[in-house]
């Protein structure tokens, strides 16, 4: 696929060792207009997004601007603990770990990487969210910690987009729902439903991001381009 940025644009993929992140990186590397794709991950570069010293150190080594930044981090099961089916299963420790990885981590990434977008030209930045993080679209209940952490992520993105709009008026910041993707994150929860291959989801999300305009910065979209209510 081709991203409608200027020839020679640079891309940064955070979480590039995961199923979706690696697919995003491969697609961008195949784009003839992309001059460079920098991939960062915990396993490959020691980037722990829940540790600000790590975020500062790893992202601080990056030089120059990136016209496209894609953060593909996040987890549904952490340290063997999956989403709760009922309130009685709620664990303070497990909930804090969900918030640390799914909300605090992206917030720290935003803090240290937003300035690397072009100040005057078009820039694109996306974070993986989830439809279950929608408060208005919650009709099933359950998964309190994961839902709440993704709802927090959505608010972080929405809030950051206001500030980014003042300093980087041509840039777009978006929360993207990837659909149900055939990765380890969804293996135990797919329930026999069809799942996208990572490349399919990545292609769809990059297409959605590419079409967004600055006036839509801070919005929440699904892989098919539809808007998701907060």
Protein backbone atom coordinates (compact mmCIF):
# COMPACT_ATOMS: atom_id res chain seq x y z
CA UNK A 1 0.00 0.00 0.00
CA UNK A 2 1.04 3.61 -0.48
CA UNK A 3 0.82 6.22 2.27
CA UNK A 4 -0.01 9.71 1.00
CA UNK A 5 2.92 11.42 2.67
CA UNK A 6 5.78 13.16 0.89
CA UNK A 7 8.40 11.00 -0.81
CA UNK A 8 11.12 9.97 1.58
CA UNK A 9 8.95 10.00 4.71
CA UNK A 10 10.21 8.25 7.84
CA UNK A 11 8.14 5.89 9.99
CA UNK A 12 8.49 4.76 13.59
CA UNK A 13 6.77 1.58 14.81
CA UNK A 14 6.71 0.99 18.57
CA UNK A 15 5.91 -2.59 19.51
CA UNK A 16 7.42 -3.84 16.25
CA UNK A 17 8.04 -7.37 17.53
CA UNK A 18 4.33 -8.11 18.07
CA UNK A 19 1.90 -9.57 15.58
CA UNK A 20 0.30 -6.30 14.51
CA UNK A 21 3.39 -4.13 14.99
CA UNK A 22 5.57 -6.37 12.84
CA UNK A 23 2.89 -6.42 10.12
CA UNK A 24 2.71 -2.61 10.16
CA UNK A 25 6.50 -2.40 9.87
CA UNK A 26 6.59 -4.81 6.91
CA UNK A 27 3.90 -2.90 5.05
CA UNK A 28 5.71 0.40 5.52
CA UNK A 29 9.01 -1.13 4.45
CA UNK A 30 7.31 -2.23 1.22
CA UNK A 31 6.12 1.32 0.50
CA UNK A 32 8.49 2.79 -2.07
CA UNK A 33 7.86 6.28 -0.75
CA UNK A 34 9.04 5.39 2.74
CA UNK A 35 12.75 6.12 3.18
CA UNK A 36 13.17 4.47 6.58
CA UNK A 37 11.23 2.37 9.06
CA UNK A 38 12.53 2.33 12.63
CA UNK A 39 11.09 -0.46 14.75
CA UNK A 40 11.36 -0.52 18.54
CA UNK A 41 10.28 -3.17 21.02
CA UNK A 42 10.99 -4.50 24.48
CA UNK A 43 12.54 -7.72 23.20
CA UNK A 44 14.66 -6.05 20.55
CA UNK A 45 15.61 -2.73 22.08
CA UNK A 46 14.83 -2.96 25.79
CA UNK A 47 11.98 -0.47 25.48
CA UNK A 48 9.74 -0.85 28.53
CA UNK A 49 6.93 1.63 27.94
CA UNK A 50 5.81 1.36 31.57
CA UNK A 51 9.18 2.72 32.76
CA UNK A 52 9.73 6.40 31.94
CA UNK A 53 13.51 6.10 32.25
CA UNK A 54 13.44 3.40 29.57
CA UNK A 55 11.13 5.44 27.34
CA UNK A 56 13.30 8.53 27.75
CA UNK A 57 16.49 6.59 27.05
CA UNK A 58 15.35 4.62 23.99
CA UNK A 59 13.24 7.31 22.33
CA UNK A 60 15.85 9.91 23.20
CA UNK A 61 18.30 8.19 20.87
CA UNK A 62 16.11 8.85 17.85
CA UNK A 63 17.24 11.62 15.53
CA UNK A 64 15.13 13.76 13.22
CA UNK A 65 11.43 13.80 12.44
CA UNK A 66 9.02 10.97 11.74
CA UNK A 67 6.06 11.63 9.50
CA UNK A 68 4.31 8.45 10.66
CA UNK A 69 4.37 7.02 14.18
CA UNK A 70 2.44 3.83 15.01
CA UNK A 71 2.30 2.48 18.58
CA UNK A 72 1.20 -1.15 18.52
CA UNK A 73 1.67 -1.99 22.19
CA UNK A 74 -0.84 -3.45 24.63
CA UNK A 75 -2.00 -6.70 26.20
CA UNK A 76 -5.18 -8.44 27.27
CA UNK A 77 -3.55 -11.09 29.47
CA UNK A 78 -0.68 -9.95 31.71
CA UNK A 79 1.44 -12.30 33.83
CA UNK A 80 -1.04 -15.06 33.12
CA UNK A 81 -4.06 -13.09 34.37
CA UNK A 82 -6.79 -12.60 31.78
CA UNK A 83 -9.87 -10.36 31.75
CA UNK A 84 -12.41 -10.69 34.56
CA UNK A 85 -15.78 -12.28 33.86
CA UNK A 86 -17.31 -10.87 37.05
CA UNK A 87 -16.62 -8.16 39.63
CA UNK A 88 -15.66 -10.76 42.25
CA UNK A 89 -12.62 -11.61 40.13
CA UNK A 90 -11.33 -8.03 40.25
CA UNK A 91 -7.74 -7.76 41.48
CA UNK A 92 -6.10 -4.45 42.33
CA UNK A 93 -2.70 -5.72 41.23
CA UNK A 94 -3.98 -7.05 37.92
CA UNK A 95 -5.93 -3.85 37.25
CA UNK A 96 -2.89 -1.66 37.91
CA UNK A 97 -0.84 -3.76 35.50
CA UNK A 98 -3.51 -3.28 32.82
CA UNK A 99 -3.43 0.48 33.33
CA UNK A 100 0.38 0.53 33.36
CA UNK A 101 0.70 -1.21 30.00
CA UNK A 102 -2.43 -0.05 28.15
CA UNK A 103 -2.75 3.54 29.38
CA UNK A 104 0.34 4.81 31.21
CA UNK A 105 2.72 3.30 28.65
CA UNK A 106 1.15 5.02 25.62
CA UNK A 107 0.94 8.27 27.62
CA UNK A 108 4.69 8.13 28.25
CA UNK A 109 5.30 7.36 24.57
CA UNK A 110 3.22 10.39 23.63
CA UNK A 111 5.15 12.57 26.06
CA UNK A 112 8.50 11.64 24.56
CA UNK A 113 7.69 11.16 20.88
CA UNK A 114 5.04 13.72 19.90
CA UNK A 115 7.66 16.41 19.34
CA UNK A 116 9.24 14.22 16.66
CA UNK A 117 6.28 14.79 14.33
CA UNK A 118 6.74 17.57 11.73
CA UNK A 119 5.72 20.93 13.17
CA UNK A 120 4.44 22.38 9.91
CA UNK A 121 3.88 19.46 7.54
CA UNK A 122 1.48 16.53 7.70
CA UNK A 123 2.20 13.91 10.33
CA UNK A 124 0.29 10.79 11.37
CA UNK A 125 0.32 9.06 14.75
CA UNK A 126 -1.84 6.14 15.86
CA UNK A 127 -2.25 4.00 18.96
CA UNK A 128 -3.91 0.60 19.16
CA UNK A 129 -7.10 0.83 21.18
CA UNK A 130 -10.06 -1.58 21.29
CA UNK A 131 -13.78 -1.35 20.72
CA UNK A 132 -14.35 -2.73 24.20
CA UNK A 133 -12.82 0.49 25.51
CA UNK A 134 -15.92 2.35 24.31
CA UNK A 135 -18.13 3.35 27.25
CA UNK A 136 -21.15 4.03 25.06
CA UNK A 137 -20.86 0.72 23.20
CA UNK A 138 -20.59 -1.47 26.31
CA UNK A 139 -23.62 -3.78 26.41
CA UNK A 140 -22.04 -6.99 27.70
CA UNK A 141 -20.12 -5.95 30.82
CA UNK A 142 -17.15 -7.89 32.13
CA UNK A 143 -13.47 -7.29 31.39
CA UNK A 144 -13.50 -4.32 33.78
CA UNK A 145 -9.75 -3.74 33.96
CA UNK A 146 -9.03 -4.09 30.26
CA UNK A 147 -12.05 -2.01 29.24
CA UNK A 148 -11.15 0.72 31.73
CA UNK A 149 -7.50 0.82 30.64
CA UNK A 150 -8.48 1.23 27.00
CA UNK A 151 -11.08 3.88 27.90
CA UNK A 152 -8.29 5.71 29.72
CA UNK A 153 -6.08 5.38 26.65
CA UNK A 154 -8.83 6.91 24.52
CA UNK A 155 -9.06 9.90 26.87
CA UNK A 156 -5.28 10.31 26.83
CA UNK A 157 -5.30 10.39 23.03
CA UNK A 158 -8.24 12.78 22.90
CA UNK A 159 -6.63 15.15 25.40
CA UNK A 160 -3.19 15.01 23.79
CA UNK A 161 -4.71 15.78 20.38
CA UNK A 162 -5.88 19.18 21.65
CA UNK A 163 -2.35 20.18 22.64
CA UNK A 164 -0.85 18.60 19.51
CA UNK A 165 -3.25 20.63 17.37
CA UNK A 166 -1.71 23.83 18.72
CA UNK A 167 1.92 22.85 18.14
CA UNK A 168 1.55 20.56 15.11
CA UNK A 169 -1.55 21.84 13.27
CA UNK A 170 -1.18 19.52 10.28
CA UNK A 171 -0.79 16.35 12.30
CA UNK A 172 -3.36 13.67 13.13
CA UNK A 173 -3.47 11.62 16.34
CA UNK A 174 -5.91 8.70 16.39
CA UNK A 175 -7.05 5.69 18.40
CA UNK A 176 -7.58 2.65 16.17
CA UNK A 177 -9.49 -0.57 16.77
CA UNK A 178 -7.76 -3.38 14.82
CA UNK A 179 -10.64 -5.84 14.83
CA UNK A 180 -10.17 -9.39 16.09
CA UNK A 181 -6.72 -10.34 14.84
CA UNK A 182 -5.08 -13.76 14.75
CA UNK A 183 -2.38 -13.04 17.34
CA UNK A 184 -1.56 -14.47 20.75
CA UNK A 185 -3.59 -11.67 22.37
CA UNK A 186 -6.87 -13.05 21.03
CA UNK A 187 -6.07 -16.77 20.87
CA UNK A 188 -8.02 -17.64 24.03
CA UNK A 189 -10.92 -15.26 23.41
CA UNK A 190 -11.81 -15.56 19.72
CA UNK A 191 -14.64 -17.99 20.46
CA UNK A 192 -14.45 -19.55 17.01
CA UNK A 193 -15.03 -16.22 15.27
CA UNK A 194 -13.21 -15.32 12.09
CA UNK A 195 -10.07 -13.30 12.71
CA UNK A 196 -8.03 -11.03 10.48
CA UNK A 197 -4.49 -11.94 9.60
CA UNK A 198 -2.17 -9.30 11.09
CA UNK A 199 -1.35 -8.03 7.59
CA UNK A 200 -5.04 -7.54 6.82
CA UNK A 201 -5.67 -5.57 9.98
CA UNK A 202 -2.51 -3.50 9.54
CA UNK A 203 -3.41 -2.66 5.94
CA UNK A 204 -6.90 -1.55 6.92
CA UNK A 205 -5.72 0.58 9.85
CA UNK A 206 -3.00 2.31 7.85
CA UNK A 207 -5.58 3.09 5.17
CA UNK A 208 -7.93 4.60 7.77
CA UNK A 209 -5.12 6.65 9.33
CA UNK A 210 -3.96 7.87 5.94
CA UNK A 211 -7.41 9.28 5.14
CA UNK A 212 -7.86 11.21 8.39
CA UNK A 213 -7.53 14.99 8.30
CA UNK A 214 -6.26 17.34 11.04
CA UNK A 215 -9.84 18.26 11.95
CA UNK A 216 -10.36 14.59 12.87
CA UNK A 217 -7.36 14.40 15.18
CA UNK A 218 -8.20 12.85 18.52
CA UNK A 219 -10.85 10.54 17.06
CA UNK A 220 -11.53 6.83 17.57
CA UNK A 221 -11.99 4.63 14.50
CA UNK A 222 -12.37 0.98 13.62
CA UNK A 223 -10.36 -0.84 10.97
CA UNK A 224 -13.16 -0.24 8.44
CA UNK A 225 -13.05 3.52 8.91
CA UNK A 226 -16.23 3.75 10.96
CA UNK A 227 -16.21 6.07 13.95
CA UNK A 228 -16.56 4.44 17.39
CA UNK A 229 -18.38 6.30 20.15
CA UNK A 230 -16.46 7.12 23.28
